[in-house]
Amino acid sequence: MKRTAFRHAATATVATTFLIGGLATATPASAAGNYSCGNWKQTVNSWSATCTVKSGQARAVTDCSNGKTIYGAWIGRGTWRFGGECGKYFVVAQDTQGRG
């Protein structure tokens, strides 16, 4: 499930993701069903989450305000820290992807 910076800020207001090669942040329910993420954290230019891959593989996806999309490496079973960093640009959206 893709998570935009605006939605994240709104959630944080109401409630008051690193792997080398790519970072990720996430929503509690992952769309593919073979992994789950929690402990989401975000700054204006980065995000992180702790994700547990139960089967298959998962990766982080980060969309930056300069138009670039950063894809993390596909990672297998285990518990990992996903995240993304956009350098001097803003995180526009963060996502995780899974495959069987």
PDB file of N, CA and C in Angstrom:
ATOM      1  N   MET A   1       0.842  -1.163   0.000  1.00  0.00           N
ATOM      2  CA  MET A   1       0.000   0.000   0.000  1.00  0.00           C
ATOM      3  C   MET A   1       0.888   1.228   0.000  1.00  0.00           C
ATOM      4  N   LYS A   2       0.641   2.131  -0.938  1.00  0.00           N
ATOM      5  CA  LYS A   2       1.430   3.335  -1.050  1.00  0.00           C
ATOM      6  C   LYS A   2       1.002   4.323   0.016  1.00  0.00           C
ATOM      7  N   ARG A   3       1.961   5.019   0.570  1.00  0.00           N
ATOM      8  CA  ARG A   3       1.689   5.966   1.633  1.00  0.00           C
ATOM      9  C   ARG A   3       2.282   7.312   1.247  1.00  0.00           C
ATOM     10  N   THR A   4       1.469   8.325   1.120  1.00  0.00           N
ATOM     11  CA  THR A   4       1.972   9.642   0.750  1.00  0.00           C
ATOM     12  C   THR A   4       2.362  10.418   1.992  1.00  0.00           C
ATOM     13  N   ALA A   5       3.197  11.429   1.793  1.00  0.00           N
ATOM     14  CA  ALA A   5       3.640  12.256   2.913  1.00  0.00           C
ATOM     15  C   ALA A   5       2.447  12.961   3.554  1.00  0.00           C
ATOM     16  N   PHE A   6       1.484  13.423   2.750  1.00  0.00           N
ATOM     17  CA  PHE A   6       0.317  14.105   3.289  1.00  0.00           C
ATOM     18  C   PHE A   6      -0.499  13.169   4.166  1.00  0.00           C
ATOM     19  N   ARG A   7      -0.753  11.954   3.704  1.00  0.00           N
ATOM     20  CA  ARG A   7      -1.525  10.993   4.480  1.00  0.00           C
ATOM     21  C   ARG A   7      -0.799  10.657   5.771  1.00  0.00           C
ATOM     22  N   HIS A   8       0.526  10.508   5.697  1.00  0.00           N
ATOM     23  CA  HIS A   8       1.313  10.202   6.890  1.00  0.00           C
ATOM     24  C   HIS A   8       1.206  11.342   7.898  1.00  0.00           C
ATOM     25  N   ALA A   9       1.302  12.598   7.430  1.00  0.00           N
ATOM     26  CA  ALA A   9       1.212  13.744   8.329  1.00  0.00           C
ATOM     27  C   ALA A   9      -0.162  13.812   8.978  1.00  0.00           C
ATOM     28  N   ALA A  10      -1.200  13.546   8.209  1.00  0.00           N
ATOM     29  CA  ALA A  10      -2.557  13.559   8.759  1.00  0.00           C
ATOM     30  C   ALA A  10      -2.721  12.471   9.808  1.00  0.00           C
ATOM     31  N   THR A  11      -2.168  11.299   9.556  1.00  0.00           N
ATOM     32  CA  THR A  11      -2.250  10.195  10.515  1.00  0.00           C
ATOM     33  C   THR A  11      -1.509  10.550  11.792  1.00  0.00           C
ATOM     34  N   ALA A  12      -0.329  11.154  11.656  1.00  0.00           N
ATOM     35  CA  ALA A  12       0.456  11.518  12.833  1.00  0.00           C
ATOM     36  C   ALA A  12      -0.270  12.569  13.661  1.00  0.00           C
ATOM     37  N   THR A  13      -0.939  13.508  12.995  1.00  0.00           N
ATOM     38  CA  THR A  13      -1.671  14.548  13.700  1.00  0.00           C
ATOM     39  C   THR A  13      -2.837  13.959  14.464  1.00  0.00           C
ATOM     40  N   VAL A  14      -3.545  13.037  13.843  1.00  0.00           N
ATOM     41  CA  VAL A  14      -4.680  12.405  14.502  1.00  0.00           C
ATOM     42  C   VAL A  14      -4.201  11.514  15.634  1.00  0.00           C
ATOM     43  N   ALA A  15      -3.142  10.795  15.437  1.00  0.00           N
ATOM     44  CA  ALA A  15      -2.639   9.851  16.432  1.00  0.00           C
ATOM     45  C   ALA A  15      -1.955  10.566  17.600  1.00  0.00           C
ATOM     46  N   THR A  16      -1.562  11.815  17.546  1.00  0.00           N
ATOM     47  CA  THR A  16      -0.949  12.510  18.697  1.00  0.00           C
ATOM     48  C   THR A  16      -1.757  12.976  19.802  1.00  0.00           C
ATOM     49  N   THR A  17      11.057   4.314   7.298  1.00  0.00           N
ATOM     50  CA  THR A  17      11.901   3.328   7.280  1.00  0.00           C
ATOM     51  C   THR A  17      12.356   4.151   6.714  1.00  0.00           C
ATOM     52  N   PHE A  18      17.891   0.482   7.621  1.00  0.00           N
ATOM     53  CA  PHE A  18      17.960   0.658   6.153  1.00  0.00           C
ATOM     54  C   PHE A  18      18.777  -0.458   5.430  1.00  0.00           C
ATOM     55  N   LEU A  19      18.024  -0.631   4.368  1.00  0.00           N
ATOM     56  CA  LEU A  19      18.779  -1.585   3.535  1.00  0.00           C
ATOM     57  C   LEU A  19      19.616  -0.810   2.532  1.00  0.00           C
ATOM     58  N   ILE A  20      20.835  -1.223   2.302  1.00  0.00           N
ATOM     59  CA  ILE A  20      21.677  -0.550   1.325  1.00  0.00           C
ATOM     60  C   ILE A  20      21.098  -0.798  -0.058  1.00  0.00           C
ATOM     61  N   GLY A  21      21.013   0.271  -0.832  1.00  0.00           N
ATOM     62  CA  GLY A  21      20.464   0.160  -2.174  1.00  0.00           C
ATOM     63  C   GLY A  21      19.011   0.578  -2.220  1.00  0.00           C
ATOM     64  N   GLY A  22      18.410   0.907  -1.118  1.00  0.00           N
ATOM     65  CA  GLY A  22      17.035   1.370  -1.130  1.00  0.00           C
ATOM     66  C   GLY A  22      16.469   1.383   0.262  1.00  0.00           C
ATOM     67  N   LEU A  23      15.576   2.310   0.500  1.00  0.00           N
ATOM     68  CA  LEU A  23      14.966   2.445   1.801  1.00  0.00           C
ATOM     69  C   LEU A  23      13.459   2.396   1.657  1.00  0.00           C
ATOM     70  N   ALA A  24      12.706   2.112   2.725  1.00  0.00           N
ATOM     71  CA  ALA A  24      11.269   2.030   2.606  1.00  0.00           C
ATOM     72  C   ALA A  24      10.514   2.465   3.834  1.00  0.00           C
ATOM     73  N   THR A  25       9.301   2.927   3.752  1.00  0.00           N
ATOM     74  CA  THR A  25       8.387   3.165   4.866  1.00  0.00           C
ATOM     75  C   THR A  25       7.112   2.465   4.501  1.00  0.00           C
ATOM     76  N   ALA A  26       6.189   2.269   5.415  1.00  0.00           N
ATOM     77  CA  ALA A  26       5.098   1.409   5.022  1.00  0.00           C
ATOM     78  C   ALA A  26       3.859   1.668   5.817  1.00  0.00           C
ATOM     79  N   THR A  27       2.829   1.030   5.403  1.00  0.00           N
ATOM     80  CA  THR A  27       1.591   1.040   6.143  1.00  0.00           C
ATOM     81  C   THR A  27       1.482  -0.275   6.877  1.00  0.00           C
ATOM     82  N   PRO A  28       0.689  -0.364   7.921  1.00  0.00           N
ATOM     83  CA  PRO A  28       0.609  -1.595   8.690  1.00  0.00           C
ATOM     84  C   PRO A  28       0.172  -2.812   7.886  1.00  0.00           C
ATOM     85  N   ALA A  29      -0.692  -2.649   6.934  1.00  0.00           N
ATOM     86  CA  ALA A  29      -1.162  -3.788   6.144  1.00  0.00           C
ATOM     87  C   ALA A  29      -0.500  -3.756   4.779  1.00  0.00           C
ATOM     88  N   SER A  30       0.270  -4.767   4.459  1.00  0.00           N
ATOM     89  CA  SER A  30       0.942  -4.839   3.174  1.00  0.00           C
ATOM     90  C   SER A  30       0.061  -5.576   2.174  1.00  0.00           C
ATOM     91  N   ALA A  31       0.020  -5.082   0.952  1.00  0.00           N
ATOM     92  CA  ALA A  31      -0.904  -5.575  -0.054  1.00  0.00           C
ATOM     93  C   ALA A  31      -0.658  -7.022  -0.470  1.00  0.00           C
ATOM     94  N   ALA A  32       0.592  -7.458  -0.562  1.00  0.00           N
ATOM     95  CA  ALA A  32       0.889  -8.793  -1.080  1.00  0.00           C
ATOM     96  C   ALA A  32       0.552  -9.902  -0.096  1.00  0.00           C
ATOM     97  N   GLY A  33       0.575  -9.631   1.177  1.00  0.00           N
ATOM     98  CA  GLY A  33       0.196 -10.623   2.162  1.00  0.00           C
ATOM     99  C   GLY A  33       1.301 -11.557   2.603  1.00  0.00           C
ATOM    100  N   ASN A  34       2.480 -11.531   1.966  1.00  0.00           N
ATOM    101  CA  ASN A  34       3.561 -12.416   2.363  1.00  0.00           C
ATOM    102  C   ASN A  34       4.578 -11.711   3.263  1.00  0.00           C
ATOM    103  N   TYR A  35       4.283 -10.488   3.659  1.00  0.00           N
ATOM    104  CA  TYR A  35       5.149  -9.730   4.551  1.00  0.00           C
ATOM    105  C   TYR A  35       4.305  -8.696   5.296  1.00  0.00           C
ATOM    106  N   SER A  36       4.843  -8.199   6.397  1.00  0.00           N
ATOM    107  CA  SER A  36       4.149  -7.147   7.146  1.00  0.00           C
ATOM    108  C   SER A  36       5.185  -6.173   7.670  1.00  0.00           C
ATOM    109  N   CYS A  37       4.762  -4.913   7.840  1.00  0.00           N
ATOM    110  CA  CYS A  37       5.670  -3.860   8.289  1.00  0.00           C
ATOM    111  C   CYS A  37       5.043  -3.077   9.432  1.00  0.00           C
ATOM    112  N   GLY A  38       5.879  -2.593  10.303  1.00  0.00           N
ATOM    113  CA  GLY A  38       5.432  -1.771  11.426  1.00  0.00           C
ATOM    114  C   GLY A  38       6.537  -0.828  11.847  1.00  0.00           C
ATOM    115  N   ASN A  39       6.313  -0.091  12.928  1.00  0.00           N
ATOM    116  CA  ASN A  39       7.288   0.854  13.463  1.00  0.00           C
ATOM    117  C   ASN A  39       7.740   1.850  12.399  1.00  0.00           C
ATOM    118  N   TRP A  40       6.777   2.446  11.688  1.00  0.00           N
ATOM    119  CA  TRP A  40       7.050   3.393  10.615  1.00  0.00           C
ATOM    120  C   TRP A  40       7.562   4.697  11.190  1.00  0.00           C
ATOM    121  N   LYS A  41       8.583   5.246  10.555  1.00  0.00           N
ATOM    122  CA  LYS A  41       9.139   6.543  10.941  1.00  0.00           C
ATOM    123  C   LYS A  41       9.421   7.331   9.681  1.00  0.00           C
ATOM    124  N   GLN A  42       9.211   8.660   9.752  1.00  0.00           N
ATOM    125  CA  GLN A  42       9.447   9.475   8.572  1.00  0.00           C
ATOM    126  C   GLN A  42       9.935  10.858   8.950  1.00  0.00           C
ATOM    127  N   THR A  43      10.900  11.360   8.165  1.00  0.00           N
ATOM    128  CA  THR A  43      11.295  12.755   8.202  1.00  0.00           C
ATOM    129  C   THR A  43      10.921  13.321   6.835  1.00  0.00           C
ATOM    130  N   VAL A  44      11.235  14.581   6.575  1.00  0.00           N
ATOM    131  CA  VAL A  44      10.852  15.161   5.282  1.00  0.00           C
ATOM    132  C   VAL A  44      11.563  14.504   4.103  1.00  0.00           C
ATOM    133  N   ASN A  45      12.785  13.969   4.328  1.00  0.00           N
ATOM    134  CA  ASN A  45      13.521  13.393   3.198  1.00  0.00           C
ATOM    135  C   ASN A  45      13.867  11.912   3.353  1.00  0.00           C
ATOM    136  N   SER A  46      13.327  11.238   4.384  1.00  0.00           N
ATOM    137  CA  SER A  46      13.610   9.810   4.533  1.00  0.00           C
ATOM    138  C   SER A  46      12.490   9.114   5.295  1.00  0.00           C
ATOM    139  N   TRP A  47      12.494   7.795   5.234  1.00  0.00           N
ATOM    140  CA  TRP A  47      11.523   7.005   5.994  1.00  0.00           C
ATOM    141  C   TRP A  47      12.129   5.647   6.310  1.00  0.00           C
ATOM    142  N   SER A  48      11.536   4.945   7.275  1.00  0.00           N
ATOM    143  CA  SER A  48      11.996   3.602   7.604  1.00  0.00           C
ATOM    144  C   SER A  48      10.856   2.823   8.243  1.00  0.00           C
ATOM    145  N   ALA A  49      10.958   1.515   8.191  1.00  0.00           N
ATOM    146  CA  ALA A  49       9.984   0.624   8.813  1.00  0.00           C
ATOM    147  C   ALA A  49      10.663  -0.716   9.064  1.00  0.00           C
ATOM    148  N   THR A  50      10.170  -1.441  10.044  1.00  0.00           N
ATOM    149  CA  THR A  50      10.652  -2.792  10.307  1.00  0.00           C
ATOM    150  C   THR A  50       9.682  -3.756   9.633  1.00  0.00           C
ATOM    151  N   CYS A  51      10.189  -4.576   8.731  1.00  0.00           N
ATOM    152  CA  CYS A  51       9.336  -5.477   7.961  1.00  0.00           C
ATOM    153  C   CYS A  51       9.770  -6.926   8.170  1.00  0.00           C
ATOM    154  N   THR A  52       8.780  -7.798   8.299  1.00  0.00           N
ATOM    155  CA  THR A  52       9.022  -9.230   8.419  1.00  0.00           C
ATOM    156  C   THR A  52       8.507  -9.913   7.156  1.00  0.00           C
ATOM    157  N   VAL A  53       9.412 -10.553   6.440  1.00  0.00           N
ATOM    158  CA  VAL A  53       9.061 -11.279   5.219  1.00  0.00           C
ATOM    159  C   VAL A  53       8.816 -12.730   5.632  1.00  0.00           C
ATOM    160  N   LYS A  54       7.569 -13.183   5.462  1.00  0.00           N
ATOM    161  CA  LYS A  54       7.190 -14.542   5.860  1.00  0.00           C
ATOM    162  C   LYS A  54       7.458 -15.551   4.754  1.00  0.00           C
ATOM    163  N   SER A  55       7.252 -15.146   3.518  1.00  0.00           N
ATOM    164  CA  SER A  55       7.542 -15.992   2.367  1.00  0.00           C
ATOM    165  C   SER A  55       7.756 -15.092   1.160  1.00  0.00           C
ATOM    166  N   GLY A  56       8.403 -15.618   0.151  1.00  0.00           N
ATOM    167  CA  GLY A  56       8.689 -14.826  -1.036  1.00  0.00           C
ATOM    168  C   GLY A  56       9.724 -13.764  -0.745  1.00  0.00           C
ATOM    169  N   GLN A  57       9.551 -12.596  -1.354  1.00  0.00           N
ATOM    170  CA  GLN A  57      10.488 -11.490  -1.203  1.00  0.00           C
ATOM    171  C   GLN A  57       9.724 -10.178  -1.095  1.00  0.00           C
ATOM    172  N   ALA A  58      10.381  -9.172  -0.557  1.00  0.00           N
ATOM    173  CA  ALA A  58       9.788  -7.833  -0.454  1.00  0.00           C
ATOM    174  C   ALA A  58      10.879  -6.791  -0.662  1.00  0.00           C
ATOM    175  N   ARG A  59      10.454  -5.587  -0.997  1.00  0.00           N
ATOM    176  CA  ARG A  59      11.398  -4.482  -1.156  1.00  0.00           C
ATOM    177  C   ARG A  59      10.715  -3.159  -0.848  1.00  0.00           C
ATOM    178  N   ALA A  60      11.520  -2.143  -0.637  1.00  0.00           N
ATOM    179  CA  ALA A  60      11.044  -0.793  -0.374  1.00  0.00           C
ATOM    180  C   ALA A  60      11.017   0.005  -1.677  1.00  0.00           C
ATOM    181  N   VAL A  61      10.073   0.939  -1.754  1.00  0.00           N
ATOM    182  CA  VAL A  61       9.988   1.843  -2.894  1.00  0.00           C
ATOM    183  C   VAL A  61       9.764   3.246  -2.351  1.00  0.00           C
ATOM    184  N   THR A  62      10.584   4.198  -2.806  1.00  0.00           N
ATOM    185  CA  THR A  62      10.497   5.580  -2.339  1.00  0.00           C
ATOM    186  C   THR A  62      10.365   6.508  -3.539  1.00  0.00           C
ATOM    187  N   ASP A  63       9.337   7.361  -3.542  1.00  0.00           N
ATOM    188  CA  ASP A  63       9.161   8.378  -4.571  1.00  0.00           C
ATOM    189  C   ASP A  63       9.621   9.715  -4.004  1.00  0.00           C
ATOM    190  N   CYS A  64      10.521  10.395  -4.741  1.00  0.00           N
ATOM    191  CA  CYS A  64      11.097  11.661  -4.293  1.00  0.00           C
ATOM    192  C   CYS A  64      10.536  12.840  -5.085  1.00  0.00           C
ATOM    193  N   SER A  65      10.630  14.041  -4.487  1.00  0.00           N
ATOM    194  CA  SER A  65      10.065  15.242  -5.106  1.00  0.00           C
ATOM    195  C   SER A  65      10.793  15.667  -6.370  1.00  0.00           C
ATOM    196  N   ASN A  66      11.959  15.109  -6.656  1.00  0.00           N
ATOM    197  CA  ASN A  66      12.653  15.416  -7.908  1.00  0.00           C
ATOM    198  C   ASN A  66      12.221  14.500  -9.046  1.00  0.00           C
ATOM    199  N   GLY A  67      11.205  13.647  -8.788  1.00  0.00           N
ATOM    200  CA  GLY A  67      10.685  12.762  -9.818  1.00  0.00           C
ATOM    201  C   GLY A  67      11.324  11.381  -9.845  1.00  0.00           C
ATOM    202  N   LYS A  68      12.340  11.151  -9.039  1.00  0.00           N
ATOM    203  CA  LYS A  68      12.999   9.845  -9.026  1.00  0.00           C
ATOM    204  C   LYS A  68      12.261   8.869  -8.122  1.00  0.00           C
ATOM    205  N   THR A  69      12.282   7.609  -8.512  1.00  0.00           N
ATOM    206  CA  THR A  69      11.762   6.524  -7.695  1.00  0.00           C
ATOM    207  C   THR A  69      12.927   5.617  -7.350  1.00  0.00           C
ATOM    208  N   ILE A  70      13.100   5.346  -6.059  1.00  0.00           N
ATOM    209  CA  ILE A  70      14.206   4.520  -5.582  1.00  0.00           C
ATOM    210  C   ILE A  70      13.643   3.166  -5.157  1.00  0.00           C
ATOM    211  N   TYR A  71      14.177   2.103  -5.744  1.00  0.00           N
ATOM    212  CA  TYR A  71      13.750   0.742  -5.433  1.00  0.00           C
ATOM    213  C   TYR A  71      14.817   0.061  -4.590  1.00  0.00           C
ATOM    214  N   GLY A  72      14.421  -0.540  -3.472  1.00  0.00           N
ATOM    215  CA  GLY A  72      15.331  -1.332  -2.661  1.00  0.00           C
ATOM    216  C   GLY A  72      15.533  -2.696  -3.289  1.00  0.00           C
ATOM    217  N   ALA A  73      16.511  -3.411  -2.791  1.00  0.00           N
ATOM    218  CA  ALA A  73      16.787  -4.770  -3.270  1.00  0.00           C
ATOM    219  C   ALA A  73      15.679  -5.711  -2.802  1.00  0.00           C
ATOM    220  N   TRP A  74      15.383  -6.739  -3.586  1.00  0.00           N
ATOM    221  CA  TRP A  74      14.444  -7.773  -3.164  1.00  0.00           C
ATOM    222  C   TRP A  74      15.097  -8.576  -2.045  1.00  0.00           C
ATOM    223  N   ILE A  75      14.390  -8.720  -0.912  1.00  0.00           N
ATOM    224  CA  ILE A  75      14.924  -9.386   0.275  1.00  0.00           C
ATOM    225  C   ILE A  75      14.024 -10.557   0.639  1.00  0.00           C
ATOM    226  N   GLY A  76      14.630 -11.683   1.029  1.00  0.00           N
ATOM    227  CA  GLY A  76      13.883 -12.887   1.387  1.00  0.00           C
ATOM    228  C   GLY A  76      13.477 -12.943   2.852  1.00  0.00           C
ATOM    229  N   ARG A  77      13.131 -14.135   3.299  1.00  0.00           N
ATOM    230  CA  ARG A  77      12.592 -14.351   4.647  1.00  0.00           C
ATOM    231  C   ARG A  77      13.477 -13.769   5.743  1.00  0.00           C
ATOM    232  N   GLY A  78      12.784 -13.236   6.779  1.00  0.00           N
ATOM    233  CA  GLY A  78      13.487 -12.668   7.922  1.00  0.00           C
ATOM    234  C   GLY A  78      12.880 -11.331   8.293  1.00  0.00           C
ATOM    235  N   THR A  79      13.461 -10.691   9.296  1.00  0.00           N
ATOM    236  CA  THR A  79      13.023  -9.365   9.726  1.00  0.00           C
ATOM    237  C   THR A  79      14.095  -8.365   9.330  1.00  0.00           C
ATOM    238  N   TRP A  80      13.665  -7.313   8.645  1.00  0.00           N
ATOM    239  CA  TRP A  80      14.590  -6.354   8.050  1.00  0.00           C
ATOM    240  C   TRP A  80      14.115  -4.929   8.303  1.00  0.00           C
ATOM    241  N   ARG A  81      15.049  -4.000   8.240  1.00  0.00           N
ATOM    242  CA  ARG A  81      14.715  -2.574   8.309  1.00  0.00           C
ATOM    243  C   ARG A  81      14.677  -2.065   6.874  1.00  0.00           C
ATOM    244  N   PHE A  82      13.490  -1.659   6.443  1.00  0.00           N
ATOM    245  CA  PHE A  82      13.316  -1.077   5.122  1.00  0.00           C
ATOM    246  C   PHE A  82      13.330   0.438   5.277  1.00  0.00           C
ATOM    247  N   GLY A  83      13.643   1.139   4.197  1.00  0.00           N
ATOM    248  CA  GLY A  83      13.611   2.590   4.260  1.00  0.00           C
ATOM    249  C   GLY A  83      14.009   3.207   2.943  1.00  0.00           C
ATOM    250  N   GLY A  84      13.930   4.514   2.890  1.00  0.00           N
ATOM    251  CA  GLY A  84      14.313   5.254   1.700  1.00  0.00           C
ATOM    252  C   GLY A  84      14.791   6.640   2.068  1.00  0.00           C
ATOM    253  N   GLU A  85      15.646   7.189   1.236  1.00  0.00           N
ATOM    254  CA  GLU A  85      16.193   8.525   1.462  1.00  0.00           C
ATOM    255  C   GLU A  85      16.255   9.260   0.141  1.00  0.00           C
ATOM    256  N   CYS A  86      15.785  10.497   0.146  1.00  0.00           N
ATOM    257  CA  CYS A  86      15.751  11.315  -1.067  1.00  0.00           C
ATOM    258  C   CYS A  86      16.810  12.415  -1.078  1.00  0.00           C
ATOM    259  N   GLY A  87      17.767  12.376  -0.168  1.00  0.00           N
ATOM    260  CA  GLY A  87      18.812  13.404  -0.130  1.00  0.00           C
ATOM    261  C   GLY A  87      18.227  14.758   0.206  1.00  0.00           C
ATOM    262  N   LYS A  88      18.467  15.760  -0.642  1.00  0.00           N
ATOM    263  CA  LYS A  88      17.954  17.110  -0.377  1.00  0.00           C
ATOM    264  C   LYS A  88      16.505  17.289  -0.832  1.00  0.00           C
ATOM    265  N   TYR A  89      15.887  16.257  -1.387  1.00  0.00           N
ATOM    266  CA  TYR A  89      14.509  16.328  -1.864  1.00  0.00           C
ATOM    267  C   TYR A  89      13.551  15.704  -0.846  1.00  0.00           C
ATOM    268  N   PHE A  90      12.267  15.988  -0.996  1.00  0.00           N
ATOM    269  CA  PHE A  90      11.246  15.474  -0.092  1.00  0.00           C
ATOM    270  C   PHE A  90      10.786  14.073  -0.502  1.00  0.00           C
ATOM    271  N   VAL A  91      10.377  13.278   0.476  1.00  0.00           N
ATOM    272  CA  VAL A  91       9.706  12.012   0.190  1.00  0.00           C
ATOM    273  C   VAL A  91       8.269  12.356  -0.184  1.00  0.00           C
ATOM    274  N   VAL A  92       7.864  11.982  -1.395  1.00  0.00           N
ATOM    275  CA  VAL A  92       6.503  12.223  -1.869  1.00  0.00           C
ATOM    276  C   VAL A  92       5.611  11.052  -1.487  1.00  0.00           C
ATOM    277  N   ALA A  93       6.129   9.840  -1.621  1.00  0.00           N
ATOM    278  CA  ALA A  93       5.367   8.638  -1.255  1.00  0.00           C
ATOM    279  C   ALA A  93       6.347   7.522  -0.911  1.00  0.00           C
ATOM    280  N   GLN A  94       5.880   6.609  -0.081  1.00  0.00           N
ATOM    281  CA  GLN A  94       6.678   5.452   0.283  1.00  0.00           C
ATOM    282  C   GLN A  94       5.808   4.218   0.116  1.00  0.00           C
ATOM    283  N   ASP A  95       6.431   3.117  -0.210  1.00  0.00           N
ATOM    284  CA  ASP A  95       5.666   1.912  -0.486  1.00  0.00           C
ATOM    285  C   ASP A  95       6.550   0.700  -0.239  1.00  0.00           C
ATOM    286  N   THR A  96       5.924  -0.449  -0.109  1.00  0.00           N
ATOM    287  CA  THR A  96       6.624  -1.718  -0.101  1.00  0.00           C
ATOM    288  C   THR A  96       5.958  -2.610  -1.130  1.00  0.00           C
ATOM    289  N   GLN A  97       6.743  -3.499  -1.717  1.00  0.00           N
ATOM    290  CA  GLN A  97       6.216  -4.428  -2.700  1.00  0.00           C
ATOM    291  C   GLN A  97       6.625  -5.838  -2.320  1.00  0.00           C
ATOM    292  N   GLY A  98       5.762  -6.797  -2.607  1.00  0.00           N
ATOM    293  CA  GLY A  98       6.072  -8.196  -2.357  1.00  0.00           C
ATOM    294  C   GLY A  98       5.868  -9.013  -3.619  1.00  0.00           C
ATOM    295  N   ARG A  99       6.572 -10.114  -3.676  1.00  0.00           N
ATOM    296  CA  ARG A  99       6.376 -11.072  -4.773  1.00  0.00           C
ATOM    297  C   ARG A  99       6.553 -12.472  -4.217  1.00  0.00           C
ATOM    298  N   GLY A 100       5.800 -13.369  -4.802  1.00  0.00           N
ATOM    299  CA  GLY A 100       5.739 -14.748  -4.331  1.00  0.00           C
ATOM    300  C   GLY A 100       6.980 -15.489  -4.465  1.00  0.00           C
TER     301      GLY A 100
END
